[in-house]
C-alpha atoms as a PDB file:
ATOM      1  CA  UNK A   1      61.464  15.472  65.764  1.00  0.00           C
ATOM      2  CA  UNK A   2      59.935  17.560  68.084  1.00  0.00           C
ATOM      3  CA  UNK A   3      61.463  18.859  71.254  1.00  0.00           C
ATOM      4  CA  UNK A   4      58.827  19.955  73.772  1.00  0.00           C
ATOM      5  CA  UNK A   5      59.481  21.464  77.432  1.00  0.00           C
ATOM      6  CA  UNK A   6      63.186  20.639  76.781  1.00  0.00           C
ATOM      7  CA  UNK A   7      65.941  22.519  78.392  1.00  0.00           C
ATOM      8  CA  UNK A   8      69.357  22.618  77.100  1.00  0.00           C
ATOM      9  CA  UNK A   9      71.034  23.145  80.594  1.00  0.00           C
ATOM     10  CA  UNK A  10      74.975  23.283  80.304  1.00  0.00           C
ATOM     11  CA  UNK A  11      75.133  22.134  76.762  1.00  0.00           C
ATOM     12  CA  UNK A  12      77.686  22.355  74.580  1.00  0.00           C
ATOM     13  CA  UNK A  13      75.906  23.265  71.509  1.00  0.00           C
ATOM     14  CA  UNK A  14      79.012  24.659  69.339  1.00  0.00           C
ATOM     15  CA  UNK A  15      78.131  23.457  65.454  1.00  0.00           C
ATOM     16  CA  UNK A  16      74.914  21.565  66.311  1.00  0.00           C
ATOM     17  CA  UNK A  17      72.171  21.200  63.933  1.00  0.00           C
ATOM     18  CA  UNK A  18      68.328  21.661  64.597  1.00  0.00           C
ATOM     19  CA  UNK A  19      67.181  21.424  60.731  1.00  0.00           C
ATOM     20  CA  UNK A  20      63.728  20.514  60.502  1.00  0.00           C
ATOM     21  CA  UNK A  21      63.172  20.376  64.101  1.00  0.00           C
ATOM     22  CA  UNK A  22      59.919  21.655  65.996  1.00  0.00           C
ATOM     23  CA  UNK A  23      60.757  23.504  68.985  1.00  0.00           C
ATOM     24  CA  UNK A  24      58.029  24.284  71.679  1.00  0.00           C
ATOM     25  CA  UNK A  25      58.919  25.783  75.291  1.00  0.00           C
ATOM     26  CA  UNK A  26      62.654  25.082  74.838  1.00  0.00           C
ATOM     27  CA  UNK A  27      65.323  26.796  76.575  1.00  0.00           C
ATOM     28  CA  UNK A  28      69.102  27.004  76.111  1.00  0.00           C
ATOM     29  CA  UNK A  29      71.394  28.139  79.106  1.00  0.00           C
ATOM     30  CA  UNK A  30      74.865  28.108  78.878  1.00  0.00           C
ATOM     31  CA  UNK A  31      77.427  25.853  80.584  1.00  0.00           C
ATOM     32  CA  UNK A  32      79.244  28.636  81.571  1.00  0.00           C
ATOM     33  CA  UNK A  33      78.542  32.554  82.321  1.00  0.00           C
ATOM     34  CA  UNK A  34      76.912  34.506  79.450  1.00  0.00           C
ATOM     35  CA  UNK A  35      80.413  35.680  77.832  1.00  0.00           C
ATOM     36  CA  UNK A  36      81.060  36.529  74.251  1.00  0.00           C
ATOM     37  CA  UNK A  37      82.224  32.663  73.709  1.00  0.00           C
ATOM     38  CA  UNK A  38      78.710  31.479  74.646  1.00  0.00           C
ATOM     39  CA  UNK A  39      77.205  34.164  72.261  1.00  0.00           C
ATOM     40  CA  UNK A  40      79.767  32.757  69.082  1.00  0.00           C
ATOM     41  CA  UNK A  41      79.001  29.154  70.086  1.00  0.00           C
ATOM     42  CA  UNK A  42      75.363  30.120  69.528  1.00  0.00           C
ATOM     43  CA  UNK A  43      75.933  31.632  66.359  1.00  0.00           C
ATOM     44  CA  UNK A  44      77.408  28.430  64.982  1.00  0.00           C
ATOM     45  CA  UNK A  45      74.261  26.456  66.014  1.00  0.00           C
ATOM     46  CA  UNK A  46      71.941  25.915  62.488  1.00  0.00           C
ATOM     47  CA  UNK A  47      68.197  25.904  62.993  1.00  0.00           C
ATOM     48  CA  UNK A  48      67.311  25.897  58.918  1.00  0.00           C
ATOM     49  CA  UNK A  49      63.599  24.708  58.204  1.00  0.00           C
ATOM     50  CA  UNK A  50      63.059  24.553  62.329  1.00  0.00           C
ATOM     51  CA  UNK A  51      59.884  25.615  63.633  1.00  0.00           C
ATOM     52  CA  UNK A  52      59.284  27.157  66.832  1.00  0.00           C
ATOM     53  CA  UNK A  53      56.950  28.897  68.977  1.00  0.00           C
ATOM     54  CA  UNK A  54      57.171  32.633  70.195  1.00  0.00           C
ATOM     55  CA  UNK A  55      58.876  31.865  73.394  1.00  0.00           C
ATOM     56  CA  UNK A  56      61.654  29.639  72.160  1.00  0.00           C
ATOM     57  CA  UNK A  57      62.071  32.129  69.453  1.00  0.00           C
ATOM     58  CA  UNK A  58      62.191  35.411  71.641  1.00  0.00           C
ATOM     59  CA  UNK A  59      64.497  32.882  74.144  1.00  0.00           C
ATOM     60  CA  UNK A  60      67.244  32.386  71.296  1.00  0.00           C
ATOM     61  CA  UNK A  61      67.179  35.851  69.541  1.00  0.00           C
ATOM     62  CA  UNK A  62      67.702  37.081  73.186  1.00  0.00           C
ATOM     63  CA  UNK A  63      71.338  35.375  73.599  1.00  0.00           C
ATOM     64  CA  UNK A  64      72.252  35.882  69.380  1.00  0.00           C
ATOM     65  CA  UNK A  65      71.001  32.829  67.921  1.00  0.00           C
ATOM     66  CA  UNK A  66      70.837  32.864  64.010  1.00  0.00           C
ATOM     67  CA  UNK A  67      66.963  32.160  63.209  1.00  0.00           C
ATOM     68  CA  UNK A  68      67.003  33.607  59.804  1.00  0.00           C
ATOM     69  CA  UNK A  69      65.620  30.562  58.094  1.00  0.00           C
ATOM     70  CA  UNK A  70      63.438  29.288  60.900  1.00  0.00           C
ATOM     71  CA  UNK A  71      59.800  29.794  61.005  1.00  0.00           C
ATOM     72  CA  UNK A  72      57.318  30.684  64.062  1.00  0.00           C
ATOM     73  CA  UNK A  73      54.396  28.234  64.895  1.00  0.00           C
END
């Protein structure tokens, strides 16, 4: 599955999985202000085997996403 030019605005992402998904120009914006609650929710998102461009990767790393098992394309 590919997500291209997708904006996850106001999405509840706690415990979501993006395993094996390709992300290109994807943004994640919180449903609430940038708080510890949002950062904790992003840490529960799984990106195992996901592929993403540099822009999407940088955006996720900037808000604390765990991208250890993802790869850059």
